[in-house]
C-alpha atoms as a PDB file:
ATOM      1  CA  UNK A   1      16.710  -7.105  12.088  1.00  0.00           C
ATOM      2  CA  UNK A   2      14.240  -9.760  13.233  1.00  0.00           C
ATOM      3  CA  UNK A   3      12.401 -11.373  10.357  1.00  0.00           C
ATOM      4  CA  UNK A   4       8.652 -11.686  10.847  1.00  0.00           C
ATOM      5  CA  UNK A   5       6.518 -13.716   8.484  1.00  0.00           C
ATOM      6  CA  UNK A   6       3.450 -12.105   6.958  1.00  0.00           C
ATOM      7  CA  UNK A   7       1.225 -14.767   8.554  1.00  0.00           C
ATOM      8  CA  UNK A   8       2.650 -14.092  12.048  1.00  0.00           C
ATOM      9  CA  UNK A   9       2.299 -10.333  11.590  1.00  0.00           C
ATOM     10  CA  UNK A  10      -1.345 -10.551  10.483  1.00  0.00           C
ATOM     11  CA  UNK A  11      -2.040 -13.025  13.302  1.00  0.00           C
ATOM     12  CA  UNK A  12      -0.744 -10.563  15.865  1.00  0.00           C
ATOM     13  CA  UNK A  13      -3.049  -7.878  14.451  1.00  0.00           C
ATOM     14  CA  UNK A  14      -6.128 -10.087  14.657  1.00  0.00           C
ATOM     15  CA  UNK A  15      -5.688 -10.428  18.419  1.00  0.00           C
ATOM     16  CA  UNK A  16      -6.611  -6.758  18.773  1.00  0.00           C
ATOM     17  CA  UNK A  17      -9.464  -6.838  16.268  1.00  0.00           C
ATOM     18  CA  UNK A  18     -12.164  -7.263  18.902  1.00  0.00           C
ATOM     19  CA  UNK A  19     -10.838  -4.303  20.901  1.00  0.00           C
ATOM     20  CA  UNK A  20     -10.595  -2.182  17.752  1.00  0.00           C
ATOM     21  CA  UNK A  21     -14.235  -2.821  16.842  1.00  0.00           C
ATOM     22  CA  UNK A  22     -15.602  -2.173  20.309  1.00  0.00           C
ATOM     23  CA  UNK A  23     -16.650   1.246  21.551  1.00  0.00           C
ATOM     24  CA  UNK A  24     -13.126   1.960  22.713  1.00  0.00           C
ATOM     25  CA  UNK A  25     -13.292   5.499  21.363  1.00  0.00           C
ATOM     26  CA  UNK A  26     -16.623   6.390  22.955  1.00  0.00           C
ATOM     27  CA  UNK A  27     -18.528   7.022  19.732  1.00  0.00           C
ATOM     28  CA  UNK A  28     -21.492   4.741  20.357  1.00  0.00           C
ATOM     29  CA  UNK A  29     -22.616   6.642  23.453  1.00  0.00           C
ATOM     30  CA  UNK A  30     -22.645  10.008  21.660  1.00  0.00           C
ATOM     31  CA  UNK A  31     -25.375  11.800  19.728  1.00  0.00           C
ATOM     32  CA  UNK A  32     -25.272  12.039  15.941  1.00  0.00           C
ATOM     33  CA  UNK A  33     -24.307  15.740  16.164  1.00  0.00           C
ATOM     34  CA  UNK A  34     -21.451  14.983  18.575  1.00  0.00           C
ATOM     35  CA  UNK A  35     -20.152  12.197  16.350  1.00  0.00           C
ATOM     36  CA  UNK A  36     -20.359  14.356  13.224  1.00  0.00           C
ATOM     37  CA  UNK A  37     -18.491  17.196  14.910  1.00  0.00           C
ATOM     38  CA  UNK A  38     -15.822  14.909  16.325  1.00  0.00           C
ATOM     39  CA  UNK A  39     -15.270  13.113  13.020  1.00  0.00           C
ATOM     40  CA  UNK A  40     -15.127  16.307  10.962  1.00  0.00           C
ATOM     41  CA  UNK A  41     -12.332  17.663  13.139  1.00  0.00           C
ATOM     42  CA  UNK A  42     -10.238  14.466  13.323  1.00  0.00           C
ATOM     43  CA  UNK A  43      -6.707  14.750  11.877  1.00  0.00           C
ATOM     44  CA  UNK A  44      -4.059  12.332  10.659  1.00  0.00           C
ATOM     45  CA  UNK A  45      -1.035  12.725  12.937  1.00  0.00           C
ATOM     46  CA  UNK A  46       1.383   9.972  11.923  1.00  0.00           C
ATOM     47  CA  UNK A  47       1.976   7.598   9.018  1.00  0.00           C
ATOM     48  CA  UNK A  48       4.463   4.739   9.127  1.00  0.00           C
ATOM     49  CA  UNK A  49       5.309   2.004   6.640  1.00  0.00           C
ATOM     50  CA  UNK A  50       6.707  -1.348   7.788  1.00  0.00           C
ATOM     51  CA  UNK A  51       8.393  -3.802   5.430  1.00  0.00           C
ATOM     52  CA  UNK A  52       7.602  -7.377   6.493  1.00  0.00           C
ATOM     53  CA  UNK A  53       9.673 -10.356   5.322  1.00  0.00           C
ATOM     54  CA  UNK A  54       9.780 -11.514   2.589  1.00  0.00           C
ATOM     55  CA  UNK A  55       8.056  -8.931   0.376  1.00  0.00           C
ATOM     56  CA  UNK A  56       5.083  -7.292   2.076  1.00  0.00           C
ATOM     57  CA  UNK A  57       4.621  -3.795   3.447  1.00  0.00           C
ATOM     58  CA  UNK A  58       2.059  -2.574   5.964  1.00  0.00           C
ATOM     59  CA  UNK A  59       1.093   1.054   6.534  1.00  0.00           C
ATOM     60  CA  UNK A  60      -0.125   2.377   9.881  1.00  0.00           C
ATOM     61  CA  UNK A  61      -2.024   5.681  10.081  1.00  0.00           C
ATOM     62  CA  UNK A  62      -2.667   7.331  13.452  1.00  0.00           C
ATOM     63  CA  UNK A  63      -5.188  10.052  14.259  1.00  0.00           C
ATOM     64  CA  UNK A  64      -5.390  12.667  16.987  1.00  0.00           C
ATOM     65  CA  UNK A  65      -8.345  10.685  18.435  1.00  0.00           C
ATOM     66  CA  UNK A  66      -6.109   7.656  19.008  1.00  0.00           C
ATOM     67  CA  UNK A  67      -7.714   5.628  16.230  1.00  0.00           C
ATOM     68  CA  UNK A  68      -5.230   3.662  14.123  1.00  0.00           C
ATOM     69  CA  UNK A  69      -5.820   2.233  10.650  1.00  0.00           C
ATOM     70  CA  UNK A  70      -3.812  -0.453   8.851  1.00  0.00           C
ATOM     71  CA  UNK A  71      -3.375  -1.177   5.134  1.00  0.00           C
ATOM     72  CA  UNK A  72      -1.121  -3.243   2.872  1.00  0.00           C
ATOM     73  CA  UNK A  73       0.579  -1.351   0.020  1.00  0.00           C
ATOM     74  CA  UNK A  74       2.534  -4.324  -1.291  1.00  0.00           C
ATOM     75  CA  UNK A  75       4.176  -4.626  -4.669  1.00  0.00           C
ATOM     76  CA  UNK A  76       6.048  -7.917  -4.609  1.00  0.00           C
ATOM     77  CA  UNK A  77       9.789  -7.517  -4.756  1.00  0.00           C
ATOM     78  CA  UNK A  78       9.705  -3.751  -4.148  1.00  0.00           C
ATOM     79  CA  UNK A  79       9.132  -3.381  -0.399  1.00  0.00           C
ATOM     80  CA  UNK A  80      11.598  -0.529   0.101  1.00  0.00           C
ATOM     81  CA  UNK A  81      10.139   1.300  -2.905  1.00  0.00           C
ATOM     82  CA  UNK A  82       6.683   1.017  -1.333  1.00  0.00           C
ATOM     83  CA  UNK A  83       7.992   2.370   1.986  1.00  0.00           C
ATOM     84  CA  UNK A  84       9.416   5.387   0.148  1.00  0.00           C
ATOM     85  CA  UNK A  85       6.169   5.916  -1.785  1.00  0.00           C
ATOM     86  CA  UNK A  86       4.102   5.814   1.419  1.00  0.00           C
ATOM     87  CA  UNK A  87       6.486   8.299   3.063  1.00  0.00           C
ATOM     88  CA  UNK A  88       6.064  10.658   0.107  1.00  0.00           C
ATOM     89  CA  UNK A  89       2.263  10.383   0.339  1.00  0.00           C
ATOM     90  CA  UNK A  90       2.500  11.140   4.058  1.00  0.00           C
ATOM     91  CA  UNK A  91       3.642  14.678   3.262  1.00  0.00           C
ATOM     92  CA  UNK A  92       0.240  15.297   1.677  1.00  0.00           C
ATOM     93  CA  UNK A  93      -1.845  13.389   4.240  1.00  0.00           C
ATOM     94  CA  UNK A  94      -0.513  14.698   7.552  1.00  0.00           C
ATOM     95  CA  UNK A  95      -2.974  16.973   9.370  1.00  0.00           C
ATOM     96  CA  UNK A  96      -5.762  16.078   6.903  1.00  0.00           C
ATOM     97  CA  UNK A  97      -9.158  14.627   7.889  1.00  0.00           C
ATOM     98  CA  UNK A  98      -8.961  10.825   7.450  1.00  0.00           C
ATOM     99  CA  UNK A  99     -12.633  10.579   6.431  1.00  0.00           C
ATOM    100  CA  UNK A 100     -12.241  12.446   3.143  1.00  0.00           C
ATOM    101  CA  UNK A 101     -11.155   9.167   1.585  1.00  0.00           C
ATOM    102  CA  UNK A 102     -12.212   9.846  -2.012  1.00  0.00           C
ATOM    103  CA  UNK A 103     -10.742  13.379  -1.926  1.00  0.00           C
ATOM    104  CA  UNK A 104      -7.419  11.984  -0.734  1.00  0.00           C
ATOM    105  CA  UNK A 105      -7.426   9.235  -3.360  1.00  0.00           C
ATOM    106  CA  UNK A 106      -8.036  11.766  -6.130  1.00  0.00           C
ATOM    107  CA  UNK A 107      -5.353  14.122  -4.794  1.00  0.00           C
ATOM    108  CA  UNK A 108      -2.749  11.374  -4.392  1.00  0.00           C
ATOM    109  CA  UNK A 109      -3.429   9.785  -7.778  1.00  0.00           C
ATOM    110  CA  UNK A 110      -4.229  12.805  -9.948  1.00  0.00           C
ATOM    111  CA  UNK A 111      -2.518  15.605  -8.039  1.00  0.00           C
ATOM    112  CA  UNK A 112       0.982  15.241  -9.451  1.00  0.00           C
ATOM    113  CA  UNK A 113       2.167  16.255 -12.893  1.00  0.00           C
ATOM    114  CA  UNK A 114       3.308  12.676 -13.517  1.00  0.00           C
ATOM    115  CA  UNK A 115       0.620  10.033 -13.061  1.00  0.00           C
ATOM    116  CA  UNK A 116       1.702   7.003 -11.073  1.00  0.00           C
ATOM    117  CA  UNK A 117       2.185   3.474 -12.241  1.00  0.00           C
ATOM    118  CA  UNK A 118       2.167   0.319 -10.124  1.00  0.00           C
ATOM    119  CA  UNK A 119       4.406   1.763  -7.399  1.00  0.00           C
ATOM    120  CA  UNK A 120       2.201   4.770  -6.693  1.00  0.00           C
ATOM    121  CA  UNK A 121      -1.127   2.964  -7.112  1.00  0.00           C
ATOM    122  CA  UNK A 122       0.001   0.203  -4.755  1.00  0.00           C
ATOM    123  CA  UNK A 123       1.072   2.758  -2.128  1.00  0.00           C
ATOM    124  CA  UNK A 124      -2.232   4.618  -2.530  1.00  0.00           C
ATOM    125  CA  UNK A 125      -4.090   1.315  -2.148  1.00  0.00           C
ATOM    126  CA  UNK A 126      -2.460   0.644   1.234  1.00  0.00           C
ATOM    127  CA  UNK A 127      -3.211   4.179   2.431  1.00  0.00           C
ATOM    128  CA  UNK A 128      -6.796   3.862   1.179  1.00  0.00           C
ATOM    129  CA  UNK A 129      -7.247   0.612   3.138  1.00  0.00           C
ATOM    130  CA  UNK A 130      -5.905   2.248   6.301  1.00  0.00           C
ATOM    131  CA  UNK A 131      -8.282   5.212   5.918  1.00  0.00           C
ATOM    132  CA  UNK A 132     -11.255   2.853   5.498  1.00  0.00           C
ATOM    133  CA  UNK A 133     -10.043   0.972   8.582  1.00  0.00           C
ATOM    134  CA  UNK A 134     -10.091   4.232  10.558  1.00  0.00           C
ATOM    135  CA  UNK A 135     -13.610   5.020   9.329  1.00  0.00           C
ATOM    136  CA  UNK A 136     -14.871   1.539  10.225  1.00  0.00           C
ATOM    137  CA  UNK A 137     -13.356   1.685  13.707  1.00  0.00           C
ATOM    138  CA  UNK A 138     -14.777   5.167  14.245  1.00  0.00           C
ATOM    139  CA  UNK A 139     -18.277   4.014  13.363  1.00  0.00           C
ATOM    140  CA  UNK A 140     -18.009   0.637  15.082  1.00  0.00           C
ATOM    141  CA  UNK A 141     -18.610  -1.149  11.773  1.00  0.00           C
ATOM    142  CA  UNK A 142     -16.530  -3.618   9.754  1.00  0.00           C
ATOM    143  CA  UNK A 143     -15.272  -2.077   6.519  1.00  0.00           C
ATOM    144  CA  UNK A 144     -17.026  -4.673   4.361  1.00  0.00           C
ATOM    145  CA  UNK A 145     -20.339  -3.411   5.784  1.00  0.00           C
ATOM    146  CA  UNK A 146     -19.478   0.192   4.854  1.00  0.00           C
ATOM    147  CA  UNK A 147     -18.694  -0.933   1.305  1.00  0.00           C
ATOM    148  CA  UNK A 148     -22.035  -2.637   0.779  1.00  0.00           C
ATOM    149  CA  UNK A 149     -22.025  -5.724   2.963  1.00  0.00           C
ATOM    150  CA  UNK A 150     -21.001  -9.332   2.590  1.00  0.00           C
ATOM    151  CA  UNK A 151     -21.643 -10.907  -0.806  1.00  0.00           C
ATOM    152  CA  UNK A 152     -20.430 -14.494  -0.156  1.00  0.00           C
ATOM    153  CA  UNK A 153     -19.972 -16.855   2.771  1.00  0.00           C
ATOM    154  CA  UNK A 154     -16.803 -18.582   1.637  1.00  0.00           C
ATOM    155  CA  UNK A 155     -13.972 -18.172  -0.856  1.00  0.00           C
ATOM    156  CA  UNK A 156     -11.452 -20.496  -2.421  1.00  0.00           C
ATOM    157  CA  UNK A 157      -7.846 -19.837  -1.382  1.00  0.00           C
ATOM    158  CA  UNK A 158      -4.502 -20.968  -2.729  1.00  0.00           C
ATOM    159  CA  UNK A 159      -1.025 -21.467  -1.309  1.00  0.00           C
ATOM    160  CA  UNK A 160       2.480 -20.849  -2.581  1.00  0.00           C
ATOM    161  CA  UNK A 161       4.383 -23.868  -3.874  1.00  0.00           C
ATOM    162  CA  UNK A 162       8.096 -23.780  -3.055  1.00  0.00           C
ATOM    163  CA  UNK A 163      11.153 -25.580  -4.308  1.00  0.00           C
ATOM    164  CA  UNK A 164      13.795 -25.449  -6.977  1.00  0.00           C
ATOM    165  CA  UNK A 165      13.893 -29.093  -8.021  1.00  0.00           C
ATOM    166  CA  UNK A 166      11.300 -31.770  -8.730  1.00  0.00           C
ATOM    167  CA  UNK A 167      11.529 -33.424  -5.295  1.00  0.00           C
ATOM    168  CA  UNK A 168      11.175 -30.119  -3.357  1.00  0.00           C
ATOM    169  CA  UNK A 169       8.244 -29.055  -5.522  1.00  0.00           C
ATOM    170  CA  UNK A 170       6.543 -32.457  -5.164  1.00  0.00           C
ATOM    171  CA  UNK A 171       7.011 -32.361  -1.370  1.00  0.00           C
ATOM    172  CA  UNK A 172       5.619 -28.831  -1.240  1.00  0.00           C
ATOM    173  CA  UNK A 173       2.557 -29.850  -3.275  1.00  0.00           C
ATOM    174  CA  UNK A 174       1.951 -32.884  -1.035  1.00  0.00           C
ATOM    175  CA  UNK A 175       2.199 -30.726   2.129  1.00  0.00           C
ATOM    176  CA  UNK A 176      -0.242 -28.250   0.604  1.00  0.00           C
ATOM    177  CA  UNK A 177      -2.749 -30.965  -0.280  1.00  0.00           C
ATOM    178  CA  UNK A 178      -2.337 -32.400   3.230  1.00  0.00           C
ATOM    179  CA  UNK A 179      -3.101 -28.934   4.603  1.00  0.00           C
ATOM    180  CA  UNK A 180      -6.399 -28.828   2.712  1.00  0.00           C
ATOM    181  CA  UNK A 181      -5.356 -26.645  -0.229  1.00  0.00           C
ATOM    182  CA  UNK A 182      -6.717 -27.491  -3.663  1.00  0.00           C
ATOM    183  CA  UNK A 183      -4.908 -24.750  -5.601  1.00  0.00           C
ATOM    184  CA  UNK A 184      -1.429 -23.280  -5.559  1.00  0.00           C
ATOM    185  CA  UNK A 185       0.995 -21.053  -7.425  1.00  0.00           C
ATOM    186  CA  UNK A 186       4.651 -21.590  -8.158  1.00  0.00           C
ATOM    187  CA  UNK A 187       7.265 -19.202  -9.530  1.00  0.00           C
ATOM    188  CA  UNK A 188       9.834 -21.031 -11.674  1.00  0.00           C
ATOM    189  CA  UNK A 189      12.333 -18.186 -11.186  1.00  0.00           C
ATOM    190  CA  UNK A 190      14.377 -17.765  -7.995  1.00  0.00           C
ATOM    191  CA  UNK A 191      12.909 -14.538  -6.539  1.00  0.00           C
ATOM    192  CA  UNK A 192      16.234 -13.614  -4.949  1.00  0.00           C
ATOM    193  CA  UNK A 193      17.645 -13.173  -8.462  1.00  0.00           C
ATOM    194  CA  UNK A 194      14.955 -10.703  -9.539  1.00  0.00           C
END
């Protein structure tokens, strides 16, 4: 299996972002009634979950209109568990309308006898993101606009600090500072042992 870093995977997705937000699906040239009818009859046809090295998972939801949504149902250290959870949710979601986002969230979270913990809520989160992505692409709008618009122009980010001894950690911190980071996180436990 070829290992793909999370950064490389997300980078490859961004190359298609412009195409995804254009009028590729022909919605912008249609009347409101045509759009409403088309959207109300859209169906989810396929759901796939992809584990990405080292601990992320991405979910891909396809529709019968050819619109694809992506989400990230990650629960660090439990990628295969997330894949299984997404596959179980797929049984409910297939052939459903992707725009009934709140209905699907309620059904996935509250519909079982046993309420979910972090595994289920993380899987639902990734599916929810993918459904919002489908809605945004269908309407030709970025999801942040559908959720109320931008509220800031910049954010502070952090990086992961690696290493198992003082020298490796110091080198990692120096590389991070050289890369412009002003904050970082470090796990003192070897994640392969968890």
